[in-house]
C-alpha atoms as a PDB file:
ATOM      1  CA  MET A   1     -38.473  92.916 -31.126  1.00  0.00           C
ATOM      2  CA  SER A   2     -38.308  90.688 -28.375  1.00  0.00           C
ATOM      3  CA  GLN A   3     -35.419  88.882 -26.911  1.00  0.00           C
ATOM      4  CA  ARG A   4     -36.874  85.433 -28.009  1.00  0.00           C
ATOM      5  CA  ASN A   5     -37.020  87.008 -31.726  1.00  0.00           C
ATOM      6  CA  ASN A   6     -33.808  88.314 -31.610  1.00  0.00           C
ATOM      7  CA  GLN A   7     -32.415  84.952 -30.820  1.00  0.00           C
ATOM      8  CA  ASN A   8     -34.299  83.104 -33.362  1.00  0.00           C
ATOM      9  CA  ALA A   9     -33.267  85.563 -36.091  1.00  0.00           C
ATOM     10  CA  ALA A  10     -29.638  85.180 -35.001  1.00  0.00           C
ATOM     11  CA  SER A  11     -30.016  81.626 -35.429  1.00  0.00           C
ATOM     12  CA  MET A  12     -30.834  81.776 -39.007  1.00  0.00           C
ATOM     13  CA  SER A  13     -28.236  84.400 -39.740  1.00  0.00           C
ATOM     14  CA  ALA A  14     -25.289  82.518 -37.885  1.00  0.00           C
ATOM     15  CA  ALA A  15     -24.626  80.468 -41.199  1.00  0.00           C
ATOM     16  CA  ARG A  16     -24.222  83.609 -43.192  1.00  0.00           C
ATOM     17  CA  ASN A  17     -21.013  84.656 -40.847  1.00  0.00           C
ATOM     18  CA  PRO A  18     -19.127  86.851 -43.289  1.00  0.00           C
ATOM     19  CA  SER A  19     -15.726  86.197 -42.017  1.00  0.00           C
ATOM     20  CA  PRO A  20     -13.609  84.356 -44.516  1.00  0.00           C
ATOM     21  CA  THR A  21     -11.262  82.987 -42.140  1.00  0.00           C
ATOM     22  CA  ALA A  22     -13.650  81.549 -39.631  1.00  0.00           C
ATOM     23  CA  PRO A  23     -12.777  78.088 -38.811  1.00  0.00           C
ATOM     24  CA  PRO A  24     -15.501  75.245 -39.594  1.00  0.00           C
ATOM     25  CA  THR A  25     -18.067  74.688 -36.712  1.00  0.00           C
ATOM     26  CA  LYS A  26     -21.130  73.102 -36.181  1.00  0.00           C
ATOM     27  CA  HIS A  27     -22.269  76.090 -34.133  1.00  0.00           C
ATOM     28  CA  ARG A  28     -22.625  77.851 -37.448  1.00  0.00           C
ATOM     29  CA  ASP A  29     -26.259  76.116 -37.673  1.00  0.00           C
ATOM     30  CA  GLY A  30     -27.173  78.582 -35.037  1.00  0.00           C
ATOM     31  CA  PHE A  31     -29.459  75.960 -33.172  1.00  0.00           C
ATOM     32  CA  SER A  32     -27.829  76.835 -29.882  1.00  0.00           C
ATOM     33  CA  LEU A  33     -29.017  80.352 -30.215  1.00  0.00           C
ATOM     34  CA  ILE A  34     -32.788  79.459 -30.273  1.00  0.00           C
ATOM     35  CA  SER A  35     -34.641  80.441 -27.235  1.00  0.00           C
ATOM     36  CA  THR A  36     -35.546  77.657 -24.526  1.00  0.00           C
ATOM     37  CA  THR A  37     -38.366  79.622 -23.057  1.00  0.00           C
ATOM     38  CA  PRO A  38     -41.327  77.250 -22.678  1.00  0.00           C
ATOM     39  CA  ILE A  39     -44.088  77.429 -25.306  1.00  0.00           C
ATOM     40  CA  HIS A  40     -46.928  79.436 -24.099  1.00  0.00           C
ATOM     41  CA  TYR A  41     -50.234  77.938 -25.336  1.00  0.00           C
ATOM     42  CA  ASN A  42     -52.812  80.863 -25.929  1.00  0.00           C
ATOM     43  CA  HIS A  43     -55.787  78.541 -27.217  1.00  0.00           C
ATOM     44  CA  ASP A  44     -57.059  75.720 -25.539  1.00  0.00           C
ATOM     45  CA  LEU A  45     -59.421  74.043 -27.740  1.00  0.00           C
ATOM     46  CA  THR A  46     -60.082  71.113 -25.416  1.00  0.00           C
ATOM     47  CA  THR A  47     -63.610  72.086 -24.698  1.00  0.00           C
ATOM     48  CA  THR A  48     -66.497  73.236 -26.772  1.00  0.00           C
ATOM     49  CA  THR A  49     -66.547  76.365 -24.862  1.00  0.00           C
ATOM     50  CA  ASN A  50     -63.237  77.555 -26.871  1.00  0.00           C
ATOM     51  CA  ASN A  51     -63.722  75.331 -29.823  1.00  0.00           C
ATOM     52  CA  PRO A  52     -67.230  75.217 -31.391  1.00  0.00           C
ATOM     53  CA  THR A  53     -66.106  73.080 -34.358  1.00  0.00           C
ATOM     54  CA  THR A  54     -65.869  69.896 -32.192  1.00  0.00           C
ATOM     55  CA  THR A  55     -67.504  68.113 -29.285  1.00  0.00           C
ATOM     56  CA  SER A  56     -65.372  68.485 -25.918  1.00  0.00           C
ATOM     57  CA  PHE A  57     -62.584  66.252 -25.849  1.00  0.00           C
ATOM     58  CA  THR A  58     -62.463  63.868 -22.724  1.00  0.00           C
ATOM     59  CA  ASP A  59     -59.539  61.693 -23.324  1.00  0.00           C
ATOM     60  CA  ILE A  60     -57.151  64.340 -24.602  1.00  0.00           C
ATOM     61  CA  THR A  61     -56.327  67.965 -24.280  1.00  0.00           C
ATOM     62  CA  TYR A  62     -55.826  70.019 -27.375  1.00  0.00           C
ATOM     63  CA  LYS A  63     -54.062  73.570 -27.429  1.00  0.00           C
ATOM     64  CA  ILE A  64     -52.219  75.864 -29.720  1.00  0.00           C
ATOM     65  CA  SER A  65     -49.574  78.435 -29.561  1.00  0.00           C
ATOM     66  CA  THR A  66     -50.167  80.769 -32.511  1.00  0.00           C
ATOM     67  CA  LYS A  67     -46.753  82.618 -31.701  1.00  0.00           C
ATOM     68  CA  ASP A  68     -44.781  79.540 -31.749  1.00  0.00           C
ATOM     69  CA  LYS A  69     -46.771  77.842 -34.361  1.00  0.00           C
ATOM     70  CA  VAL A  70     -47.317  74.677 -32.815  1.00  0.00           C
ATOM     71  CA  ALA A  71     -50.271  72.296 -31.865  1.00  0.00           C
ATOM     72  CA  ARG A  72     -50.151  70.088 -28.622  1.00  0.00           C
ATOM     73  CA  ILE A  73     -52.374  66.888 -28.437  1.00  0.00           C
ATOM     74  CA  ALA A  74     -51.773  65.123 -25.241  1.00  0.00           C
ATOM     75  CA  PHE A  75     -53.186  62.059 -23.789  1.00  0.00           C
ATOM     76  CA  ASN A  76     -55.267  62.928 -20.588  1.00  0.00           C
ATOM     77  CA  ARG A  77     -55.744  59.506 -18.994  1.00  0.00           C
ATOM     78  CA  PRO A  78     -53.189  59.453 -16.158  1.00  0.00           C
ATOM     79  CA  GLU A  79     -55.204  56.726 -13.959  1.00  0.00           C
ATOM     80  CA  VAL A  80     -54.305  54.266 -16.585  1.00  0.00           C
ATOM     81  CA  LEU A  81     -50.744  55.471 -17.633  1.00  0.00           C
ATOM     82  CA  HIS A  82     -52.440  57.173 -20.497  1.00  0.00           C
ATOM     83  CA  ALA A  83     -53.593  53.872 -22.121  1.00  0.00           C
ATOM     84  CA  PHE A  84     -55.849  54.195 -25.187  1.00  0.00           C
ATOM     85  CA  ARG A  85     -59.299  53.030 -25.732  1.00  0.00           C
ATOM     86  CA  PRO A  86     -61.276  53.856 -28.878  1.00  0.00           C
ATOM     87  CA  ARG A  87     -62.651  57.185 -27.917  1.00  0.00           C
ATOM     88  CA  THR A  88     -59.240  57.820 -26.974  1.00  0.00           C
ATOM     89  CA  ILE A  89     -57.819  57.415 -30.516  1.00  0.00           C
ATOM     90  CA  ASN A  90     -60.830  58.974 -32.251  1.00  0.00           C
ATOM     91  CA  GLU A  91     -60.345  62.174 -30.321  1.00  0.00           C
ATOM     92  CA  VAL A  92     -56.565  62.130 -31.150  1.00  0.00           C
ATOM     93  CA  ARG A  93     -57.392  61.592 -34.966  1.00  0.00           C
ATOM     94  CA  LYS A  94     -59.938  64.519 -34.669  1.00  0.00           C
ATOM     95  CA  ALA A  95     -57.319  66.820 -33.130  1.00  0.00           C
ATOM     96  CA  LEU A  96     -54.773  65.883 -35.552  1.00  0.00           C
ATOM     97  CA  GLU A  97     -57.088  66.618 -38.461  1.00  0.00           C
ATOM     98  CA  MET A  98     -57.720  70.088 -36.914  1.00  0.00           C
ATOM     99  CA  ALA A  99     -54.079  70.627 -36.492  1.00  0.00           C
ATOM    100  CA  GLN A 100     -53.200  69.473 -39.947  1.00  0.00           C
ATOM    101  CA  ASP A 101     -55.729  71.859 -41.578  1.00  0.00           C
ATOM    102  CA  ASP A 102     -54.997  74.885 -39.166  1.00  0.00           C
ATOM    103  CA  ILE A 103     -52.721  77.447 -41.265  1.00  0.00           C
ATOM    104  CA  ARG A 104     -51.663  78.663 -37.759  1.00  0.00           C
ATOM    105  CA  VAL A 105     -49.816  75.472 -37.083  1.00  0.00           C
ATOM    106  CA  SER A 106     -46.266  74.386 -38.699  1.00  0.00           C
ATOM    107  CA  VAL A 107     -45.462  71.659 -35.979  1.00  0.00           C
ATOM    108  CA  ILE A 108     -47.376  69.350 -33.712  1.00  0.00           C
ATOM    109  CA  LEU A 109     -46.519  67.837 -30.470  1.00  0.00           C
ATOM    110  CA  PHE A 110     -47.819  64.509 -29.341  1.00  0.00           C
ATOM    111  CA  SER A 111     -47.442  64.293 -25.588  1.00  0.00           C
ATOM    112  CA  SER A 112     -49.367  63.373 -22.395  1.00  0.00           C
ATOM    113  CA  GLU A 113     -50.506  65.375 -19.308  1.00  0.00           C
ATOM    114  CA  CYS A 114     -48.360  64.506 -16.380  1.00  0.00           C
ATOM    115  CA  VAL A 115     -50.200  64.562 -12.859  1.00  0.00           C
ATOM    116  CA  GLU A 116     -48.488  65.086  -9.397  1.00  0.00           C
ATOM    117  CA  GLY A 117     -48.644  61.826  -7.578  1.00  0.00           C
ATOM    118  CA  ARG A 118     -49.138  59.545 -10.816  1.00  0.00           C
ATOM    119  CA  THR A 119     -46.446  57.563 -12.314  1.00  0.00           C
ATOM    120  CA  ASN A 120     -45.408  59.467 -15.440  1.00  0.00           C
ATOM    121  CA  ALA A 121     -46.054  57.821 -18.967  1.00  0.00           C
ATOM    122  CA  PHE A 122     -46.580  58.874 -22.464  1.00  0.00           C
ATOM    123  CA  CYS A 123     -48.881  56.039 -23.219  1.00  0.00           C
ATOM    124  CA  ALA A 124     -49.001  52.355 -22.068  1.00  0.00           C
ATOM    125  CA  GLY A 125     -50.554  51.266 -25.225  1.00  0.00           C
ATOM    126  CA  GLY A 126     -54.158  49.822 -25.586  1.00  0.00           C
ATOM    127  CA  ASP A 127     -56.497  49.908 -22.407  1.00  0.00           C
ATOM    128  CA  GLN A 128     -56.632  46.126 -21.793  1.00  0.00           C
ATOM    129  CA  SER A 129     -59.902  46.566 -19.802  1.00  0.00           C
ATOM    130  CA  VAL A 130     -61.670  47.301 -22.986  1.00  0.00           C
ATOM    131  CA  ARG A 131     -59.980  44.838 -25.184  1.00  0.00           C
ATOM    132  CA  SER A 132     -62.575  42.652 -26.821  1.00  0.00           C
ATOM    133  CA  GLY A 133     -62.510  38.971 -27.480  1.00  0.00           C
ATOM    134  CA  ASN A 134     -64.128  39.798 -30.868  1.00  0.00           C
ATOM    135  CA  GLY A 135     -61.131  41.533 -32.338  1.00  0.00           C
ATOM    136  CA  GLY A 136     -59.866  44.968 -31.349  1.00  0.00           C
ATOM    137  CA  TYR A 137     -61.170  47.327 -28.651  1.00  0.00           C
ATOM    138  CA  ASP A 138     -64.644  48.107 -27.561  1.00  0.00           C
ATOM    139  CA  ASP A 139     -65.721  51.133 -25.136  1.00  0.00           C
ATOM    140  CA  GLY A 140     -69.174  51.284 -26.361  1.00  0.00           C
ATOM    141  CA  THR A 141     -68.497  54.224 -28.621  1.00  0.00           C
ATOM    142  CA  GLU A 142     -68.636  52.250 -31.854  1.00  0.00           C
ATOM    143  CA  ALA A 143     -70.727  49.733 -33.417  1.00  0.00           C
ATOM    144  CA  ALA A 144     -68.268  47.072 -33.300  1.00  0.00           C
ATOM    145  CA  PRO A 145     -64.669  46.370 -31.675  1.00  0.00           C
ATOM    146  CA  ARG A 146     -62.031  48.148 -33.760  1.00  0.00           C
ATOM    147  CA  LEU A 147     -58.158  48.709 -33.978  1.00  0.00           C
ATOM    148  CA  ARG A 148     -58.483  52.390 -34.626  1.00  0.00           C
ATOM    149  CA  VAL A 149     -54.925  52.967 -33.487  1.00  0.00           C
ATOM    150  CA  LEU A 150     -53.885  51.484 -37.021  1.00  0.00           C
ATOM    151  CA  ASP A 151     -56.043  54.328 -38.574  1.00  0.00           C
ATOM    152  CA  LEU A 152     -53.908  56.717 -36.451  1.00  0.00           C
ATOM    153  CA  GLN A 153     -50.853  55.585 -37.384  1.00  0.00           C
ATOM    154  CA  ILE A 154     -51.357  56.096 -41.102  1.00  0.00           C
ATOM    155  CA  GLN A 155     -52.800  59.339 -40.458  1.00  0.00           C
ATOM    156  CA  MET A 156     -49.622  60.616 -38.710  1.00  0.00           C
ATOM    157  CA  ARG A 157     -47.640  59.183 -41.587  1.00  0.00           C
ATOM    158  CA  ARG A 158     -49.659  61.311 -44.166  1.00  0.00           C
ATOM    159  CA  CYS A 159     -49.897  64.338 -42.063  1.00  0.00           C
ATOM    160  CA  PRO A 160     -47.702  66.861 -44.267  1.00  0.00           C
ATOM    161  CA  LYS A 161     -46.572  68.589 -40.830  1.00  0.00           C
ATOM    162  CA  PRO A 162     -43.804  67.275 -38.625  1.00  0.00           C
ATOM    163  CA  ILE A 163     -44.906  65.638 -35.359  1.00  0.00           C
ATOM    164  CA  ILE A 164     -42.583  65.491 -32.417  1.00  0.00           C
ATOM    165  CA  ALA A 165     -43.516  62.909 -29.671  1.00  0.00           C
ATOM    166  CA  VAL A 166     -42.565  64.105 -26.255  1.00  0.00           C
ATOM    167  CA  VAL A 167     -42.084  61.156 -23.989  1.00  0.00           C
ATOM    168  CA  GLN A 168     -41.995  61.319 -20.045  1.00  0.00           C
ATOM    169  CA  GLY A 169     -41.997  58.232 -18.308  1.00  0.00           C
ATOM    170  CA  TYR A 170     -43.435  54.911 -19.985  1.00  0.00           C
ATOM    171  CA  ALA A 171     -43.660  54.423 -23.905  1.00  0.00           C
ATOM    172  CA  ILE A 172     -44.885  51.084 -23.766  1.00  0.00           C
ATOM    173  CA  GLY A 173     -46.750  48.791 -26.297  1.00  0.00           C
ATOM    174  CA  GLY A 174     -49.025  50.618 -28.513  1.00  0.00           C
ATOM    175  CA  GLY A 175     -47.665  53.870 -27.023  1.00  0.00           C
ATOM    176  CA  HIS A 176     -44.208  52.877 -28.088  1.00  0.00           C
ATOM    177  CA  ILE A 177     -45.303  52.356 -31.808  1.00  0.00           C
ATOM    178  CA  LEU A 178     -46.988  55.676 -31.679  1.00  0.00           C
ATOM    179  CA  HIS A 179     -43.812  57.469 -30.713  1.00  0.00           C
ATOM    180  CA  MET A 180     -42.217  55.678 -33.413  1.00  0.00           C
ATOM    181  CA  CYS A 181     -44.651  56.757 -36.028  1.00  0.00           C
ATOM    182  CA  CYS A 182     -43.866  60.446 -34.995  1.00  0.00           C
ATOM    183  CA  ASP A 183     -41.312  62.083 -37.108  1.00  0.00           C
ATOM    184  CA  ILE A 184     -39.061  63.098 -34.116  1.00  0.00           C
ATOM    185  CA  THR A 185     -39.012  61.857 -30.417  1.00  0.00           C
ATOM    186  CA  LEU A 186     -37.584  63.963 -27.631  1.00  0.00           C
ATOM    187  CA  ALA A 187     -37.644  62.271 -24.149  1.00  0.00           C
ATOM    188  CA  SER A 188     -37.101  63.111 -20.338  1.00  0.00           C
ATOM    189  CA  ASP A 189     -34.047  61.199 -18.705  1.00  0.00           C
ATOM    190  CA  ASP A 190     -36.552  59.013 -16.919  1.00  0.00           C
ATOM    191  CA  ALA A 191     -38.384  57.739 -19.883  1.00  0.00           C
ATOM    192  CA  VAL A 192     -38.738  54.043 -20.636  1.00  0.00           C
ATOM    193  CA  PHE A 193     -39.411  52.198 -23.852  1.00  0.00           C
ATOM    194  CA  GLY A 194     -40.330  48.841 -24.913  1.00  0.00           C
ATOM    195  CA  GLN A 195     -42.867  46.250 -26.356  1.00  0.00           C
ATOM    196  CA  THR A 196     -45.172  44.182 -24.235  1.00  0.00           C
ATOM    197  CA  GLY A 197     -47.437  42.472 -27.034  1.00  0.00           C
ATOM    198  CA  PRO A 198     -46.016  39.099 -26.794  1.00  0.00           C
ATOM    199  CA  ARG A 199     -46.406  38.815 -23.029  1.00  0.00           C
ATOM    200  CA  MET A 200     -50.168  39.898 -23.459  1.00  0.00           C
ATOM    201  CA  GLY A 201     -51.264  38.068 -26.600  1.00  0.00           C
ATOM    202  CA  SER A 202     -50.631  40.806 -28.929  1.00  0.00           C
ATOM    203  CA  PHE A 203     -48.410  42.082 -31.447  1.00  0.00           C
ATOM    204  CA  ASP A 204     -48.072  44.826 -34.519  1.00  0.00           C
ATOM    205  CA  ALA A 205     -47.123  43.387 -37.795  1.00  0.00           C
ATOM    206  CA  GLY A 206     -47.214  46.811 -39.357  1.00  0.00           C
ATOM    207  CA  TYR A 207     -45.404  49.849 -38.464  1.00  0.00           C
ATOM    208  CA  GLY A 208     -44.588  48.401 -35.093  1.00  0.00           C
ATOM    209  CA  SER A 209     -42.493  45.862 -36.807  1.00  0.00           C
ATOM    210  CA  VAL A 210     -41.375  47.172 -40.206  1.00  0.00           C
ATOM    211  CA  HIS A 211     -40.638  50.693 -39.118  1.00  0.00           C
ATOM    212  CA  MET A 212     -38.837  49.716 -35.794  1.00  0.00           C
ATOM    213  CA  ALA A 213     -36.456  47.452 -37.832  1.00  0.00           C
ATOM    214  CA  ARG A 214     -35.639  50.502 -39.878  1.00  0.00           C
ATOM    215  CA  LEU A 215     -35.060  52.556 -36.979  1.00  0.00           C
ATOM    216  CA  ILE A 216     -32.574  50.320 -34.890  1.00  0.00           C
ATOM    217  CA  GLY A 217     -31.969  47.405 -37.172  1.00  0.00           C
ATOM    218  CA  GLN A 218     -33.311  43.969 -37.606  1.00  0.00           C
ATOM    219  CA  LYS A 219     -31.429  42.321 -34.608  1.00  0.00           C
ATOM    220  CA  LYS A 220     -32.505  44.911 -32.207  1.00  0.00           C
ATOM    221  CA  ALA A 221     -35.948  44.860 -33.312  1.00  0.00           C
ATOM    222  CA  ARG A 222     -36.275  41.080 -32.748  1.00  0.00           C
ATOM    223  CA  GLU A 223     -34.660  41.521 -29.436  1.00  0.00           C
ATOM    224  CA  MET A 224     -37.193  43.887 -28.338  1.00  0.00           C
ATOM    225  CA  TRP A 225     -40.257  42.003 -29.612  1.00  0.00           C
ATOM    226  CA  PHE A 226     -39.081  38.524 -28.535  1.00  0.00           C
ATOM    227  CA  THR A 227     -37.825  39.556 -25.089  1.00  0.00           C
ATOM    228  CA  CYS A 228     -40.214  42.410 -24.368  1.00  0.00           C
ATOM    229  CA  ARG A 229     -37.358  44.177 -22.564  1.00  0.00           C
ATOM    230  CA  PHE A 230     -37.547  47.925 -21.565  1.00  0.00           C
ATOM    231  CA  TYR A 231     -34.657  50.460 -22.304  1.00  0.00           C
ATOM    232  CA  ASP A 232     -33.918  53.725 -20.723  1.00  0.00           C
ATOM    233  CA  SER A 233     -33.626  56.918 -22.673  1.00  0.00           C
ATOM    234  CA  GLN A 234     -29.526  56.498 -23.016  1.00  0.00           C
ATOM    235  CA  GLU A 235     -30.156  53.191 -24.699  1.00  0.00           C
ATOM    236  CA  ALA A 236     -32.987  54.411 -26.710  1.00  0.00           C
ATOM    237  CA  VAL A 237     -30.670  57.050 -28.290  1.00  0.00           C
ATOM    238  CA  ASP A 238     -27.670  54.697 -28.581  1.00  0.00           C
ATOM    239  CA  MET A 239     -29.821  52.468 -30.659  1.00  0.00           C
ATOM    240  CA  GLY A 240     -31.364  55.180 -32.749  1.00  0.00           C
ATOM    241  CA  LEU A 241     -34.885  54.729 -31.412  1.00  0.00           C
ATOM    242  CA  ILE A 242     -35.287  58.561 -30.345  1.00  0.00           C
ATOM    243  CA  ASN A 243     -33.559  61.803 -31.337  1.00  0.00           C
ATOM    244  CA  ALA A 244     -32.637  63.175 -27.916  1.00  0.00           C
ATOM    245  CA  PHE A 245     -33.236  63.172 -24.034  1.00  0.00           C
ATOM    246  CA  TYR A 246     -32.907  65.986 -21.448  1.00  0.00           C
ATOM    247  CA  PRO A 247     -33.593  66.311 -17.682  1.00  0.00           C
ATOM    248  CA  ARG A 248     -37.017  66.502 -16.885  1.00  0.00           C
ATOM    249  CA  ASP A 249     -36.869  70.201 -15.910  1.00  0.00           C
ATOM    250  CA  LYS A 250     -35.129  71.081 -18.891  1.00  0.00           C
ATOM    251  CA  LEU A 251     -37.438  69.104 -21.473  1.00  0.00           C
ATOM    252  CA  GLU A 252     -40.155  71.700 -22.161  1.00  0.00           C
ATOM    253  CA  GLY A 253     -37.386  74.316 -22.982  1.00  0.00           C
ATOM    254  CA  GLU A 254     -35.516  72.126 -25.279  1.00  0.00           C
ATOM    255  CA  VAL A 255     -38.746  70.740 -27.036  1.00  0.00           C
ATOM    256  CA  ALA A 256     -39.617  74.533 -27.585  1.00  0.00           C
ATOM    257  CA  ARG A 257     -36.159  74.942 -29.312  1.00  0.00           C
ATOM    258  CA  TRP A 258     -36.709  72.216 -31.574  1.00  0.00           C
ATOM    259  CA  VAL A 259     -40.106  73.513 -32.551  1.00  0.00           C
ATOM    260  CA  ARG A 260     -38.902  77.037 -32.871  1.00  0.00           C
ATOM    261  CA  ARG A 261     -36.114  75.780 -35.405  1.00  0.00           C
ATOM    262  CA  ILE A 262     -38.457  73.715 -37.485  1.00  0.00           C
ATOM    263  CA  GLY A 263     -41.000  76.315 -37.659  1.00  0.00           C
ATOM    264  CA  MET A 264     -38.519  78.720 -39.013  1.00  0.00           C
ATOM    265  CA  ASN A 265     -37.847  76.401 -42.158  1.00  0.00           C
ATOM    266  CA  SER A 266     -39.684  76.211 -45.321  1.00  0.00           C
ATOM    267  CA  PRO A 267     -43.088  74.237 -44.692  1.00  0.00           C
ATOM    268  CA  THR A 268     -43.251  73.049 -48.273  1.00  0.00           C
ATOM    269  CA  ALA A 269     -39.648  71.748 -47.977  1.00  0.00           C
ATOM    270  CA  VAL A 270     -40.618  70.055 -44.782  1.00  0.00           C
ATOM    271  CA  ALA A 271     -43.633  68.388 -45.943  1.00  0.00           C
ATOM    272  CA  CYS A 272     -41.975  67.056 -49.389  1.00  0.00           C
ATOM    273  CA  THR A 273     -38.969  65.708 -47.301  1.00  0.00           C
ATOM    274  CA  LYS A 274     -41.186  64.105 -44.773  1.00  0.00           C
ATOM    275  CA  ALA A 275     -43.335  62.507 -47.736  1.00  0.00           C
ATOM    276  CA  ALA A 276     -40.184  61.415 -49.490  1.00  0.00           C
ATOM    277  CA  LEU A 277     -38.605  59.767 -46.296  1.00  0.00           C
ATOM    278  CA  ASN A 278     -41.765  57.922 -45.772  1.00  0.00           C
ATOM    279  CA  ALA A 279     -42.441  56.908 -49.608  1.00  0.00           C
ATOM    280  CA  ASP A 280     -40.281  53.650 -49.741  1.00  0.00           C
ATOM    281  CA  GLN A 281     -41.997  52.361 -46.636  1.00  0.00           C
ATOM    282  CA  ASP A 282     -45.591  53.249 -47.553  1.00  0.00           C
ATOM    283  CA  GLY A 283     -45.557  51.724 -51.013  1.00  0.00           C
ATOM    284  CA  ALA A 284     -47.806  53.256 -53.774  1.00  0.00           C
ATOM    285  CA  ALA A 285     -49.378  55.414 -51.345  1.00  0.00           C
ATOM    286  CA  GLY A 286     -46.482  57.046 -50.166  1.00  0.00           C
ATOM    287  CA  ILE A 287     -45.333  57.797 -53.619  1.00  0.00           C
ATOM    288  CA  ALA A 288     -48.662  59.165 -54.471  1.00  0.00           C
ATOM    289  CA  LEU A 289     -48.468  61.510 -51.394  1.00  0.00           C
ATOM    290  CA  MET A 290     -45.110  62.688 -52.545  1.00  0.00           C
ATOM    291  CA  GLY A 291     -46.487  63.261 -56.103  1.00  0.00           C
ATOM    292  CA  GLY A 292     -49.373  65.298 -54.659  1.00  0.00           C
ATOM    293  CA  HIS A 293     -46.922  67.636 -53.066  1.00  0.00           C
ATOM    294  CA  LEU A 294     -45.147  67.950 -56.450  1.00  0.00           C
ATOM    295  CA  THR A 295     -48.425  68.522 -58.360  1.00  0.00           C
ATOM    296  CA  ARG A 296     -49.363  71.362 -55.985  1.00  0.00           C
ATOM    297  CA  LEU A 297     -45.956  72.916 -56.641  1.00  0.00           C
ATOM    298  CA  PHE A 298     -46.474  72.422 -60.278  1.00  0.00           C
ATOM    299  CA  TYR A 299     -49.896  73.938 -60.302  1.00  0.00           C
ATOM    300  CA  MET A 300     -47.997  77.313 -59.005  1.00  0.00           C
ATOM    301  CA  SER A 301     -45.625  77.507 -62.026  1.00  0.00           C
ATOM    302  CA  ASP A 302     -46.196  79.439 -65.129  1.00  0.00           C
ATOM    303  CA  GLU A 303     -46.097  76.416 -67.124  1.00  0.00           C
ATOM    304  CA  GLY A 304     -48.941  74.782 -64.804  1.00  0.00           C
ATOM    305  CA  LYS A 305     -50.940  77.888 -64.861  1.00  0.00           C
ATOM    306  CA  GLU A 306     -50.778  77.889 -68.684  1.00  0.00           C
ATOM    307  CA  GLY A 307     -52.664  74.569 -68.923  1.00  0.00           C
ATOM    308  CA  ARG A 308     -55.335  76.103 -66.932  1.00  0.00           C
ATOM    309  CA  ASP A 309     -55.536  79.399 -68.576  1.00  0.00           C
ATOM    310  CA  ALA A 310     -55.588  77.814 -71.921  1.00  0.00           C
ATOM    311  CA  TYR A 311     -58.471  75.589 -71.276  1.00  0.00           C
ATOM    312  CA  LEU A 312     -60.447  78.400 -69.581  1.00  0.00           C
ATOM    313  CA  GLU A 313     -59.788  80.666 -72.786  1.00  0.00           C
ATOM    314  CA  SER A 314     -60.555  77.794 -75.209  1.00  0.00           C
ATOM    315  CA  ARG A 315     -57.198  78.045 -76.942  1.00  0.00           C
ATOM    316  CA  ALA A 316     -54.076  75.704 -77.675  1.00  0.00           C
ATOM    317  CA  PRO A 317     -51.694  76.036 -74.605  1.00  0.00           C
ATOM    318  CA  ASP A 318     -48.035  77.027 -75.336  1.00  0.00           C
ATOM    319  CA  PHE A 319     -46.019  75.244 -72.610  1.00  0.00           C
ATOM    320  CA  HIS A 320     -42.673  75.830 -74.329  1.00  0.00           C
ATOM    321  CA  LYS A 321     -42.527  79.794 -73.818  1.00  0.00           C
ATOM    322  CA  PHE A 322     -41.497  79.152 -70.292  1.00  0.00           C
ATOM    323  CA  PRO A 323     -37.793  78.642 -69.342  1.00  0.00           C
ATOM    324  CA  THR A 324     -38.797  75.957 -66.833  1.00  0.00           C
ATOM    325  CA  SER A 325     -40.356  73.648 -69.615  1.00  0.00           C
ATOM    326  CA  LYS A 326     -36.507  73.515 -71.122  1.00  0.00           C
ATOM    327  CA  LEU A 327     -35.772  70.012 -69.446  1.00  0.00           C
END
């Protein structure tokens, strides 16, 4: 067994310390024992050469590590601080759909490609050069101007797999809202967060406002939107906007630690928990999604199978013969 696998196994067994006199300690969770070796991506599906199921991506990169069970979707427009246009968002949506359906993937990273000599950014929001006066953004790839990023936000919420935003540099405007729509945000110590909409004749009355207020509170959310101030990584942690930040040279390894821990856990439990955490904000659609997970689990029970089998065998079902039916 490799050193990394030994560390990961040790992290899971730490909570089962048999000593009856061991003092309470948070380190019993074993998180600190998980390897921080950077993730190696053994499948680059950015181009059709390696991925026959889609056209080549131009505005993003898409890679998979089967060893760490993670997909990485990264903006790749450094010349505009990774600002998105309709093509960009549609490529992210396609990659996210691929990652969601890929049984080799348990966790999804949402990041950006850092380029030497360019200012670091996660995403600077919508590309104003293709913002249309007819509502939405228009880069010639669709029949009419669209606000496709709204579709992406909903898709991210519905995805049963946890999505981790990895932020270096600026997460501003629409890019800031995308990191908030992720389940977890991990940042470098030089990350910068904030909204710009009211300075540019724009705003987000959906997740960009409602979810932000849930994360950081009404007063702070109003401050961020009304003043368009920017905040550093420490301020973002303090207000509950992000989960953690690390020195830039340590970020990749620390992200790997989070990915590996989540990947060790029950994917069904994680998916149901994500749906439950989203349900109150997402209304009937959120409750329906959580109900769908419960239905899938019920289909796997003896009681659920009895209904199917009885129908196929043209007999009356006997649901009460199973212990799980005694509620």
